Amino acid sequence: MSTFFKKLFFIILLNSTFFLILIIGIQNSANKSKVYFLNKESINLPISFITVVSFINGSLTGGILNLFYLKK
């Protein structure tokens, strides 16, 4: 398997693990908030869910862009 696919697999596996830990960790989260985007509002979501999903999206995007632009 090439190093490109190994790195891609690692990035996806790492962020999937973060997401599973998030789902387990927010079971008792009481602080909830709505997300407003393009004049639409979401349902009440735990603040920790919003924060960690944003982190995971950034981590995935940064990892994948890094693979494509810094490929040697």
PDB file of N, CA and C in Angstrom:
ATOM      1  N   MET A   1       0.846  -1.169   0.000  1.00  0.00           N
ATOM      2  CA  MET A   1       0.000   0.000   0.000  1.00  0.00           C
ATOM      3  C   MET A   1       0.899   1.241   0.000  1.00  0.00           C
ATOM      4  N   SER A   2       0.561   2.221  -0.812  1.00  0.00           N
ATOM      5  CA  SER A   2       1.406   3.403  -0.900  1.00  0.00           C
ATOM      6  C   SER A   2       1.266   4.264   0.354  1.00  0.00           C
ATOM      7  N   THR A   3       2.207   5.143   0.547  1.00  0.00           N
ATOM      8  CA  THR A   3       2.182   6.003   1.732  1.00  0.00           C
ATOM      9  C   THR A   3       1.010   6.967   1.691  1.00  0.00           C
ATOM     10  N   PHE A   4       0.574   7.346   0.484  1.00  0.00           N
ATOM     11  CA  PHE A   4      -0.580   8.239   0.371  1.00  0.00           C
ATOM     12  C   PHE A   4      -1.815   7.606   1.006  1.00  0.00           C
ATOM     13  N   PHE A   5      -2.085   6.348   0.658  1.00  0.00           N
ATOM     14  CA  PHE A   5      -3.261   5.681   1.205  1.00  0.00           C
ATOM     15  C   PHE A   5      -3.109   5.372   2.692  1.00  0.00           C
ATOM     16  N   LYS A   6      -1.901   5.114   3.139  1.00  0.00           N
ATOM     17  CA  LYS A   6      -1.673   4.893   4.567  1.00  0.00           C
ATOM     18  C   LYS A   6      -1.986   6.162   5.354  1.00  0.00           C
ATOM     19  N   LYS A   7      -1.511   7.298   4.854  1.00  0.00           N
ATOM     20  CA  LYS A   7      -1.771   8.565   5.545  1.00  0.00           C
ATOM     21  C   LYS A   7      -3.253   8.913   5.508  1.00  0.00           C
ATOM     22  N   LEU A   8      -3.899   8.703   4.366  1.00  0.00           N
ATOM     23  CA  LEU A   8      -5.322   8.981   4.248  1.00  0.00           C
ATOM     24  C   LEU A   8      -6.124   8.100   5.198  1.00  0.00           C
ATOM     25  N   PHE A   9      -5.781   6.819   5.277  1.00  0.00           N
ATOM     26  CA  PHE A   9      -6.449   5.892   6.188  1.00  0.00           C
ATOM     27  C   PHE A   9      -6.251   6.331   7.633  1.00  0.00           C
ATOM     28  N   PHE A  10      -5.031   6.764   7.981  1.00  0.00           N
ATOM     29  CA  PHE A  10      -4.758   7.211   9.346  1.00  0.00           C
ATOM     30  C   PHE A  10      -5.576   8.451   9.689  1.00  0.00           C
ATOM     31  N   ILE A  11      -5.673   9.401   8.763  1.00  0.00           N
ATOM     32  CA  ILE A  11      -6.434  10.625   9.012  1.00  0.00           C
ATOM     33  C   ILE A  11      -7.901  10.303   9.242  1.00  0.00           C
ATOM     34  N   ILE A  12      -8.466   9.460   8.397  1.00  0.00           N
ATOM     35  CA  ILE A  12      -9.882   9.109   8.529  1.00  0.00           C
ATOM     36  C   ILE A  12     -10.126   8.308   9.805  1.00  0.00           C
ATOM     37  N   LEU A  13      -9.241   7.377  10.119  1.00  0.00           N
ATOM     38  CA  LEU A  13      -9.384   6.575  11.335  1.00  0.00           C
ATOM     39  C   LEU A  13      -9.266   7.442  12.591  1.00  0.00           C
ATOM     40  N   LEU A  14      -8.319   8.340  12.617  1.00  0.00           N
ATOM     41  CA  LEU A  14      -8.130   9.217  13.773  1.00  0.00           C
ATOM     42  C   LEU A  14      -9.359  10.094  14.007  1.00  0.00           C
ATOM     43  N   ASN A  15      -9.884  10.701  12.961  1.00  0.00           N
ATOM     44  CA  ASN A  15     -11.034  11.580  13.124  1.00  0.00           C
ATOM     45  C   ASN A  15     -12.313  10.801  13.420  1.00  0.00           C
ATOM     46  N   SER A  16     -12.428   9.599  12.917  1.00  0.00           N
ATOM     47  CA  SER A  16     -13.570   8.755  13.276  1.00  0.00           C
ATOM     48  C   SER A  16     -13.513   8.380  14.750  1.00  0.00           C
ATOM     49  N   THR A  17     -12.321   8.116  15.242  1.00  0.00           N
ATOM     50  CA  THR A  17     -12.148   7.824  16.667  1.00  0.00           C
ATOM     51  C   THR A  17     -12.525   9.038  17.519  1.00  0.00           C
ATOM     52  N   PHE A  18     -12.096  10.229  17.092  1.00  0.00           N
ATOM     53  CA  PHE A  18     -12.495  11.452  17.802  1.00  0.00           C
ATOM     54  C   PHE A  18     -14.019  11.569  17.850  1.00  0.00           C
ATOM     55  N   PHE A  19     -14.686  11.278  16.733  1.00  0.00           N
ATOM     56  CA  PHE A  19     -16.136  11.399  16.679  1.00  0.00           C
ATOM     57  C   PHE A  19     -16.812  10.384  17.606  1.00  0.00           C
ATOM     58  N   LEU A  20     -16.319   9.159  17.654  1.00  0.00           N
ATOM     59  CA  LEU A  20     -16.899   8.160  18.558  1.00  0.00           C
ATOM     60  C   LEU A  20     -16.713   8.552  20.018  1.00  0.00           C
ATOM     61  N   ILE A  21     -15.551   9.082  20.352  1.00  0.00           N
ATOM     62  CA  ILE A  21     -15.319   9.551  21.719  1.00  0.00           C
ATOM     63  C   ILE A  21     -16.252  10.712  22.037  1.00  0.00           C
ATOM     64  N   LEU A  22     -16.493  11.573  21.060  1.00  0.00           N
ATOM     65  CA  LEU A  22     -17.425  12.683  21.242  1.00  0.00           C
ATOM     66  C   LEU A  22     -18.822  12.174  21.560  1.00  0.00           C
ATOM     67  N   ILE A  23     -19.294  11.214  20.789  1.00  0.00           N
ATOM     68  CA  ILE A  23     -20.641  10.686  20.992  1.00  0.00           C
ATOM     69  C   ILE A  23     -20.774  10.062  22.383  1.00  0.00           C
ATOM     70  N   ILE A  24     -19.759   9.351  22.823  1.00  0.00           N
ATOM     71  CA  ILE A  24     -19.791   8.745  24.157  1.00  0.00           C
ATOM     72  C   ILE A  24     -19.698   9.821  25.236  1.00  0.00           C
ATOM     73  N   GLY A  25     -18.893  10.851  24.993  1.00  0.00           N
ATOM     74  CA  GLY A  25     -18.640  11.857  26.014  1.00  0.00           C
ATOM     75  C   GLY A  25     -19.753  12.844  26.251  1.00  0.00           C
ATOM     76  N   ILE A  26     -20.639  13.082  25.278  1.00  0.00           N
ATOM     77  CA  ILE A  26     -21.659  14.114  25.476  1.00  0.00           C
ATOM     78  C   ILE A  26     -22.995  13.551  25.926  1.00  0.00           C
ATOM     79  N   GLN A  27     -23.001  12.368  26.461  1.00  0.00           N
ATOM     80  CA  GLN A  27     -24.251  11.756  26.885  1.00  0.00           C
ATOM     81  C   GLN A  27     -24.987  12.590  27.935  1.00  0.00           C
ATOM     82  N   ASN A  28     -24.263  13.224  28.817  1.00  0.00           N
ATOM     83  CA  ASN A  28     -24.893  13.977  29.901  1.00  0.00           C
ATOM     84  C   ASN A  28     -24.692  15.480  29.772  1.00  0.00           C
ATOM     85  N   SER A  29     -24.487  15.950  28.572  1.00  0.00           N
ATOM     86  CA  SER A  29     -24.256  17.375  28.371  1.00  0.00           C
ATOM     87  C   SER A  29     -25.579  18.136  28.461  1.00  0.00           C
ATOM     88  N   ALA A  30     -25.628  19.105  29.363  1.00  0.00           N
ATOM     89  CA  ALA A  30     -26.871  19.848  29.583  1.00  0.00           C
ATOM     90  C   ALA A  30     -26.861  21.202  28.883  1.00  0.00           C
ATOM     91  N   ASN A  31     -25.696  21.763  28.591  1.00  0.00           N
ATOM     92  CA  ASN A  31     -25.615  23.070  27.937  1.00  0.00           C
ATOM     93  C   ASN A  31     -25.900  22.911  26.458  1.00  0.00           C
ATOM     94  N   LYS A  32     -26.979  23.559  25.992  1.00  0.00           N
ATOM     95  CA  LYS A  32     -27.359  23.425  24.590  1.00  0.00           C
ATOM     96  C   LYS A  32     -27.499  24.810  23.959  1.00  0.00           C
ATOM     97  N   SER A  33     -27.297  24.853  22.658  1.00  0.00           N
ATOM     98  CA  SER A  33     -27.382  26.103  21.913  1.00  0.00           C
ATOM     99  C   SER A  33     -27.825  25.798  20.492  1.00  0.00           C
ATOM    100  N   LYS A  34     -28.325  26.831  19.798  1.00  0.00           N
ATOM    101  CA  LYS A  34     -28.706  26.682  18.398  1.00  0.00           C
ATOM    102  C   LYS A  34     -27.601  27.252  17.517  1.00  0.00           C
ATOM    103  N   VAL A  35     -27.493  26.706  16.324  1.00  0.00           N
ATOM    104  CA  VAL A  35     -26.535  27.205  15.343  1.00  0.00           C
ATOM    105  C   VAL A  35     -27.323  27.968  14.289  1.00  0.00           C
ATOM    106  N   TYR A  36     -26.883  29.194  14.000  1.00  0.00           N
ATOM    107  CA  TYR A  36     -27.519  30.007  12.975  1.00  0.00           C
ATOM    108  C   TYR A  36     -26.595  30.068  11.771  1.00  0.00           C
ATOM    109  N   PHE A  37     -27.112  29.650  10.605  1.00  0.00           N
ATOM    110  CA  PHE A  37     -26.318  29.637   9.379  1.00  0.00           C
ATOM    111  C   PHE A  37     -27.213  29.993   8.212  1.00  0.00           C
ATOM    112  N   LEU A  38     -26.847  31.031   7.475  1.00  0.00           N
ATOM    113  CA  LEU A  38     -27.609  31.501   6.314  1.00  0.00           C
ATOM    114  C   LEU A  38     -29.085  31.741   6.657  1.00  0.00           C
ATOM    115  N   ASN A  39     -29.307  32.486   7.726  1.00  0.00           N
ATOM    116  CA  ASN A  39     -30.652  32.838   8.204  1.00  0.00           C
ATOM    117  C   ASN A  39     -31.512  31.631   8.556  1.00  0.00           C
ATOM    118  N   LYS A  40     -30.908  30.511   8.812  1.00  0.00           N
ATOM    119  CA  LYS A  40     -31.619  29.314   9.268  1.00  0.00           C
ATOM    120  C   LYS A  40     -31.081  28.953  10.641  1.00  0.00           C
ATOM    121  N   GLU A  41     -31.894  28.325  11.436  1.00  0.00           N
ATOM    122  CA  GLU A  41     -31.428  27.887  12.749  1.00  0.00           C
ATOM    123  C   GLU A  41     -31.621  26.391  12.899  1.00  0.00           C
ATOM    124  N   SER A  42     -30.718  25.787  13.647  1.00  0.00           N
ATOM    125  CA  SER A  42     -30.767  24.344  13.858  1.00  0.00           C
ATOM    126  C   SER A  42     -31.565  24.030  15.118  1.00  0.00           C
ATOM    127  N   ILE A  43     -31.660  22.769  15.416  1.00  0.00           N
ATOM    128  CA  ILE A  43     -32.248  22.354  16.681  1.00  0.00           C
ATOM    129  C   ILE A  43     -31.239  22.638  17.793  1.00  0.00           C
ATOM    130  N   ASN A  44     -31.662  22.511  19.032  1.00  0.00           N
ATOM    131  CA  ASN A  44     -30.740  22.691  20.151  1.00  0.00           C
ATOM    132  C   ASN A  44     -29.725  21.559  20.156  1.00  0.00           C
ATOM    133  N   LEU A  45     -28.457  21.930  20.083  1.00  0.00           N
ATOM    134  CA  LEU A  45     -27.361  20.962  20.098  1.00  0.00           C
ATOM    135  C   LEU A  45     -26.454  21.257  21.283  1.00  0.00           C
ATOM    136  N   PRO A  46     -25.860  20.220  21.869  1.00  0.00           N
ATOM    137  CA  PRO A  46     -24.883  20.469  22.944  1.00  0.00           C
ATOM    138  C   PRO A  46     -23.704  21.290  22.417  1.00  0.00           C
ATOM    139  N   ILE A  47     -23.261  22.230  23.217  1.00  0.00           N
ATOM    140  CA  ILE A  47     -22.159  23.105  22.811  1.00  0.00           C
ATOM    141  C   ILE A  47     -20.895  22.290  22.556  1.00  0.00           C
ATOM    142  N   SER A  48     -20.666  21.254  23.336  1.00  0.00           N
ATOM    143  CA  SER A  48     -19.481  20.417  23.120  1.00  0.00           C
ATOM    144  C   SER A  48     -19.535  19.727  21.764  1.00  0.00           C
ATOM    145  N   PHE A  49     -20.738  19.340  21.308  1.00  0.00           N
ATOM    146  CA  PHE A  49     -20.883  18.715  19.997  1.00  0.00           C
ATOM    147  C   PHE A  49     -20.516  19.696  18.891  1.00  0.00           C
ATOM    148  N   ILE A  50     -20.999  20.912  18.988  1.00  0.00           N
ATOM    149  CA  ILE A  50     -20.695  21.936  17.986  1.00  0.00           C
ATOM    150  C   ILE A  50     -19.197  22.199  17.933  1.00  0.00           C
ATOM    151  N   THR A  51     -18.571  22.319  19.081  1.00  0.00           N
ATOM    152  CA  THR A  51     -17.140  22.615  19.151  1.00  0.00           C
ATOM    153  C   THR A  51     -16.302  21.478  18.577  1.00  0.00           C
ATOM    154  N   VAL A  52     -16.575  20.263  18.980  1.00  0.00           N
ATOM    155  CA  VAL A  52     -15.750  19.129  18.549  1.00  0.00           C
ATOM    156  C   VAL A  52     -15.979  18.795  17.078  1.00  0.00           C
ATOM    157  N   VAL A  53     -17.206  18.936  16.579  1.00  0.00           N
ATOM    158  CA  VAL A  53     -17.439  18.698  15.157  1.00  0.00           C
ATOM    159  C   VAL A  53     -16.691  19.726  14.318  1.00  0.00           C
ATOM    160  N   SER A  54     -16.623  20.964  14.781  1.00  0.00           N
ATOM    161  CA  SER A  54     -15.827  21.980  14.083  1.00  0.00           C
ATOM    162  C   SER A  54     -14.346  21.604  14.090  1.00  0.00           C
ATOM    163  N   PHE A  55     -13.854  21.115  15.205  1.00  0.00           N
ATOM    164  CA  PHE A  55     -12.464  20.681  15.292  1.00  0.00           C
ATOM    165  C   PHE A  55     -12.191  19.512  14.347  1.00  0.00           C
ATOM    166  N   ILE A  56     -13.092  18.544  14.311  1.00  0.00           N
ATOM    167  CA  ILE A  56     -12.910  17.377  13.447  1.00  0.00           C
ATOM    168  C   ILE A  56     -12.934  17.790  11.975  1.00  0.00           C
ATOM    169  N   ASN A  57     -13.850  18.681  11.611  1.00  0.00           N
ATOM    170  CA  ASN A  57     -13.884  19.156  10.225  1.00  0.00           C
ATOM    171  C   ASN A  57     -12.586  19.849   9.841  1.00  0.00           C
ATOM    172  N   GLY A  58     -12.052  20.676  10.721  1.00  0.00           N
ATOM    173  CA  GLY A  58     -10.783  21.332  10.454  1.00  0.00           C
ATOM    174  C   GLY A  58      -9.637  20.351  10.364  1.00  0.00           C
ATOM    175  N   SER A  59      -9.638  19.358  11.211  1.00  0.00           N
ATOM    176  CA  SER A  59      -8.586  18.349  11.202  1.00  0.00           C
ATOM    177  C   SER A  59      -8.624  17.523   9.924  1.00  0.00           C
ATOM    178  N   LEU A  60      -9.811  17.126   9.510  1.00  0.00           N
ATOM    179  CA  LEU A  60      -9.952  16.367   8.265  1.00  0.00           C
ATOM    180  C   LEU A  60      -9.529  17.200   7.056  1.00  0.00           C
ATOM    181  N   THR A  61     -10.021  18.420   6.992  1.00  0.00           N
ATOM    182  CA  THR A  61      -9.693  19.290   5.865  1.00  0.00           C
ATOM    183  C   THR A  61      -8.202  19.570   5.807  1.00  0.00           C
ATOM    184  N   GLY A  62      -7.611  19.899   6.939  1.00  0.00           N
ATOM    185  CA  GLY A  62      -6.175  20.173   6.973  1.00  0.00           C
ATOM    186  C   GLY A  62      -5.340  18.959   6.623  1.00  0.00           C
ATOM    187  N   GLY A  63      -5.730  17.800   7.107  1.00  0.00           N
ATOM    188  CA  GLY A  63      -4.982  16.587   6.809  1.00  0.00           C
ATOM    189  C   GLY A  63      -5.058  16.202   5.347  1.00  0.00           C
ATOM    190  N   ILE A  64      -6.243  16.299   4.771  1.00  0.00           N
ATOM    191  CA  ILE A  64      -6.405  15.918   3.366  1.00  0.00           C
ATOM    192  C   ILE A  64      -5.740  16.939   2.447  1.00  0.00           C
ATOM    193  N   LEU A  65      -5.883  18.232   2.735  1.00  0.00           N
ATOM    194  CA  LEU A  65      -5.198  19.241   1.924  1.00  0.00           C
ATOM    195  C   LEU A  65      -3.690  19.086   2.021  1.00  0.00           C
ATOM    196  N   ASN A  66      -3.213  18.737   3.197  1.00  0.00           N
ATOM    197  CA  ASN A  66      -1.795  18.514   3.386  1.00  0.00           C
ATOM    198  C   ASN A  66      -1.315  17.357   2.530  1.00  0.00           C
ATOM    199  N   LEU A  67      -2.110  16.313   2.407  1.00  0.00           N
ATOM    200  CA  LEU A  67      -1.736  15.162   1.569  1.00  0.00           C
ATOM    201  C   LEU A  67      -1.622  15.560   0.106  1.00  0.00           C
ATOM    202  N   PHE A  68      -2.564  16.365  -0.377  1.00  0.00           N
ATOM    203  CA  PHE A  68      -2.568  16.697  -1.790  1.00  0.00           C
ATOM    204  C   PHE A  68      -1.540  17.755  -2.167  1.00  0.00           C
ATOM    205  N   TYR A  69      -1.271  18.719  -1.293  1.00  0.00           N
ATOM    206  CA  TYR A  69      -0.400  19.824  -1.655  1.00  0.00           C
ATOM    207  C   TYR A  69       1.060  19.615  -1.273  1.00  0.00           C
ATOM    208  N   LEU A  70       1.327  18.772  -0.320  1.00  0.00           N
ATOM    209  CA  LEU A  70       2.706  18.539   0.103  1.00  0.00           C
ATOM    210  C   LEU A  70       3.194  17.155  -0.320  1.00  0.00           C
ATOM    211  N   LYS A  71       2.543  16.562  -1.316  1.00  0.00           N
ATOM    212  CA  LYS A  71       2.921  15.232  -1.772  1.00  0.00           C
ATOM    213  C   LYS A  71       4.279  15.305  -2.476  1.00  0.00           C
ATOM    214  N   LYS A  72       5.198  14.433  -2.102  1.00  0.00           N
ATOM    215  CA  LYS A  72       6.549  14.446  -2.702  1.00  0.00           C
ATOM    216  C   LYS A  72       6.782  13.200  -3.481  1.00  0.00           C
TER     217      LYS A  72
END
